[in-house]
Amino acid sequence: MEKVYKAGAVLAAIFMVLIVILTLVQIVGRGLSVKVPDAGEFAGYCMAASLFLALAYTFRSGGHIRVNILLHHVSPSIRGALEKWCMLLIVIIGALFSAFSIKLVYDSFVFNDVSTGMVPVPLWIPQLSMAVGALLFEIALIEETIHVFRGGHPHYEEHEGAETFNE
């Protein structure tokens, strides 16, 4: 699955580049007195796509912020139990988020929802990146939870403490 998570990250990076291109087109267009219809709206769609498509890869690589101050002050057995409890909780929350994201795309498709800008975009198209990203994230969460319950150390712990701060 690592290749799928990396593919999501690559797509996220492509959407980030599209944000830059759309922003530059708007800037140049304004300088030339040319209106670029809905460039800001499309940049917003790209931003959402880059955020959601990168979730799974960021999680697997330890890039998400974790508040683990409590975990450092308990015994290893309690830490393991808390880690498992948290993993189960986030799997449930992730499943709900994935399900509602998929339902949103489906409903937008069925009801033919379109954007309100100058260029009417069927909303299921930009919403699809959110649903795909949420689903990839849920798969990564389930995979990690199974790994932890089988006695493995969470992959995201490998990257804890790797940050350095220059003062």
Protein backbone atom coordinates (compact mmCIF):
# COMPACT_ATOMS: atom_id res chain seq x y z
CA MET A 1 0.00 0.00 0.00
CA GLU A 2 2.98 2.31 0.42
CA LYS A 3 3.01 2.89 -3.34
CA VAL A 4 -0.65 3.95 -3.23
CA TYR A 5 0.05 6.37 -0.37
CA LYS A 6 3.02 7.79 -2.29
CA ALA A 7 0.84 8.14 -5.39
CA GLY A 8 -1.59 10.18 -3.31
CA ALA A 9 1.29 12.38 -2.16
CA VAL A 10 2.48 12.85 -5.75
CA LEU A 11 -1.04 13.84 -6.82
CA ALA A 12 -1.16 16.25 -3.87
CA ALA A 13 2.09 17.81 -5.06
CA ILE A 14 0.71 18.15 -8.59
CA PHE A 15 -2.34 19.96 -7.21
CA MET A 16 0.01 22.29 -5.28
CA VAL A 17 1.79 23.13 -8.52
CA LEU A 18 -1.60 23.81 -10.12
CA ILE A 19 -2.34 26.27 -7.30
CA VAL A 20 0.85 28.14 -8.15
CA ILE A 21 0.03 28.13 -11.86
CA LEU A 22 -3.53 29.36 -11.27
CA THR A 23 -2.26 32.11 -8.98
CA LEU A 24 0.36 33.21 -11.52
CA VAL A 25 -2.24 33.21 -14.30
CA GLN A 26 -4.45 35.45 -12.17
CA ILE A 27 -1.58 37.83 -11.42
CA VAL A 28 -0.52 38.07 -15.05
CA GLY A 29 -4.16 38.35 -16.13
CA ARG A 30 -4.73 41.30 -13.81
CA GLY A 31 -1.59 42.98 -15.13
CA LEU A 32 -2.92 42.56 -18.66
CA SER A 33 -6.48 43.53 -17.66
CA VAL A 34 -7.70 40.04 -18.53
CA LYS A 35 -10.30 38.44 -16.29
CA VAL A 36 -9.51 34.80 -15.46
CA PRO A 37 -12.90 33.32 -14.53
CA ASP A 38 -13.00 31.32 -11.27
CA ALA A 39 -9.23 30.87 -10.99
CA GLY A 40 -9.55 31.40 -7.24
CA GLU A 41 -12.29 28.80 -7.04
CA PHE A 42 -10.21 26.27 -8.98
CA ALA A 43 -7.21 27.02 -6.76
CA GLY A 44 -9.44 26.27 -3.76
CA TYR A 45 -10.40 22.93 -5.29
CA CYS A 46 -6.72 22.17 -5.85
CA MET A 47 -5.90 23.11 -2.27
CA ALA A 48 -8.55 20.74 -0.92
CA ALA A 49 -7.32 17.98 -3.22
CA SER A 50 -3.70 18.45 -2.12
CA LEU A 51 -4.69 18.38 1.54
CA PHE A 52 -6.83 15.24 1.43
CA LEU A 53 -4.72 13.24 -1.02
CA ALA A 54 -1.64 13.72 1.18
CA LEU A 55 -3.30 12.56 4.44
CA ALA A 56 -2.38 8.87 4.23
CA TYR A 57 1.23 9.44 3.21
CA THR A 58 1.70 12.12 5.85
CA PHE A 59 0.26 9.80 8.51
CA ARG A 60 2.51 6.90 7.52
CA SER A 61 5.59 9.10 7.46
CA GLY A 62 4.90 10.60 10.91
CA GLY A 63 4.07 14.08 9.65
CA HIS A 64 0.84 14.56 11.60
CA ILE A 65 1.01 16.46 14.86
CA ARG A 66 0.54 14.22 17.90
CA VAL A 67 0.07 15.40 21.44
CA ASN A 68 1.79 12.65 23.36
CA ILE A 69 2.84 14.37 26.57
CA LEU A 70 0.75 11.89 28.60
CA LEU A 71 2.31 8.91 26.83
CA HIS A 72 5.79 9.89 27.98
CA HIS A 73 4.76 9.80 31.64
CA VAL A 74 3.16 6.35 31.84
CA SER A 75 4.54 2.83 31.89
CA PRO A 76 5.12 1.04 28.58
CA SER A 77 2.14 -1.27 29.15
CA ILE A 78 -0.23 1.66 29.77
CA ARG A 79 1.29 3.49 26.83
CA GLY A 80 0.58 0.48 24.60
CA ALA A 81 -3.02 0.29 25.82
CA LEU A 82 -3.55 4.02 25.28
CA GLU A 83 -1.99 3.80 21.82
CA LYS A 84 -4.34 0.95 20.88
CA TRP A 85 -7.36 2.79 22.26
CA CYS A 86 -6.44 5.90 20.28
CA MET A 87 -5.92 3.88 17.12
CA LEU A 88 -9.35 2.28 17.46
CA LEU A 89 -10.95 5.67 18.07
CA ILE A 90 -9.33 7.28 15.03
CA VAL A 91 -10.28 4.29 12.86
CA ILE A 92 -13.93 4.85 13.85
CA ILE A 93 -13.71 8.60 13.24
CA GLY A 94 -11.91 8.02 9.94
CA ALA A 95 -14.55 5.52 8.84
CA LEU A 96 -17.31 8.02 9.55
CA PHE A 97 -15.44 10.75 7.69
CA SER A 98 -14.83 8.46 4.71
CA ALA A 99 -18.44 7.31 4.61
CA PHE A 100 -19.83 10.85 4.77
CA SER A 101 -17.32 12.06 2.15
CA ILE A 102 -18.35 9.30 -0.23
CA LYS A 103 -22.03 10.03 0.45
CA LEU A 104 -21.43 13.73 -0.27
CA VAL A 105 -19.89 12.89 -3.66
CA TYR A 106 -22.74 10.52 -4.43
CA ASP A 107 -25.41 13.05 -3.43
CA SER A 108 -23.74 15.81 -5.45
CA PHE A 109 -23.66 13.51 -8.45
CA VAL A 110 -27.28 12.37 -8.08
CA PHE A 111 -28.65 15.88 -7.49
CA ASN A 112 -26.39 17.38 -10.17
CA ASP A 113 -24.98 20.05 -7.82
CA VAL A 114 -22.82 22.61 -9.58
CA SER A 115 -20.64 25.42 -8.30
CA THR A 116 -22.02 28.95 -8.16
CA GLY A 117 -19.12 30.61 -9.97
CA MET A 118 -18.90 31.84 -13.55
CA VAL A 119 -17.81 28.37 -14.66
CA PRO A 120 -20.37 25.83 -13.43
CA VAL A 121 -18.39 22.83 -12.19
CA PRO A 122 -20.21 19.66 -11.14
CA LEU A 123 -19.34 19.58 -7.43
CA TRP A 124 -18.80 15.84 -7.32
CA ILE A 125 -15.60 16.32 -9.33
CA PRO A 126 -13.66 18.41 -6.76
CA GLN A 127 -15.35 16.52 -3.89
CA LEU A 128 -14.02 13.25 -5.28
CA SER A 129 -10.48 14.13 -4.18
CA MET A 130 -11.74 14.54 -0.61
CA ALA A 131 -13.47 11.16 -0.68
CA VAL A 132 -10.48 9.39 -2.21
CA GLY A 133 -8.10 11.05 0.26
CA ALA A 134 -10.33 10.19 3.22
CA LEU A 135 -10.61 6.59 2.03
CA LEU A 136 -6.83 6.28 1.59
CA PHE A 137 -6.37 7.74 5.06
CA GLU A 138 -8.85 5.24 6.52
CA ILE A 139 -7.01 2.36 4.85
CA ALA A 140 -3.73 3.63 6.30
CA LEU A 141 -5.35 3.90 9.74
CA ILE A 142 -6.73 0.36 9.57
CA GLU A 143 -3.39 -0.98 8.34
CA GLU A 144 -1.54 0.79 11.16
CA THR A 145 -4.07 -0.37 13.77
CA ILE A 146 -3.67 -4.01 12.71
CA HIS A 147 0.11 -3.58 12.84
CA VAL A 148 -0.07 -2.14 16.38
CA PHE A 149 -2.47 -4.83 17.61
CA ARG A 150 -0.11 -7.51 16.28
CA GLY A 151 2.57 -6.14 18.57
CA GLY A 152 4.40 -3.83 16.18
CA HIS A 153 5.49 -0.33 17.06
CA PRO A 154 3.54 2.40 15.25
CA HIS A 155 5.35 3.58 12.14
CA TYR A 156 4.77 7.21 13.07
CA GLU A 157 6.84 6.72 16.24
CA GLU A 158 9.92 6.16 14.08
CA HIS A 159 9.87 9.85 13.23
CA GLU A 160 9.14 11.26 16.69
CA GLY A 161 11.86 13.46 18.06
CA ALA A 162 13.49 13.79 14.66
CA GLU A 163 12.64 17.48 14.55
CA THR A 164 15.30 19.95 15.52
CA PHE A 165 14.66 23.52 16.49
CA ASN A 166 17.17 26.24 15.88
CA GLU A 167 17.07 28.94 18.49
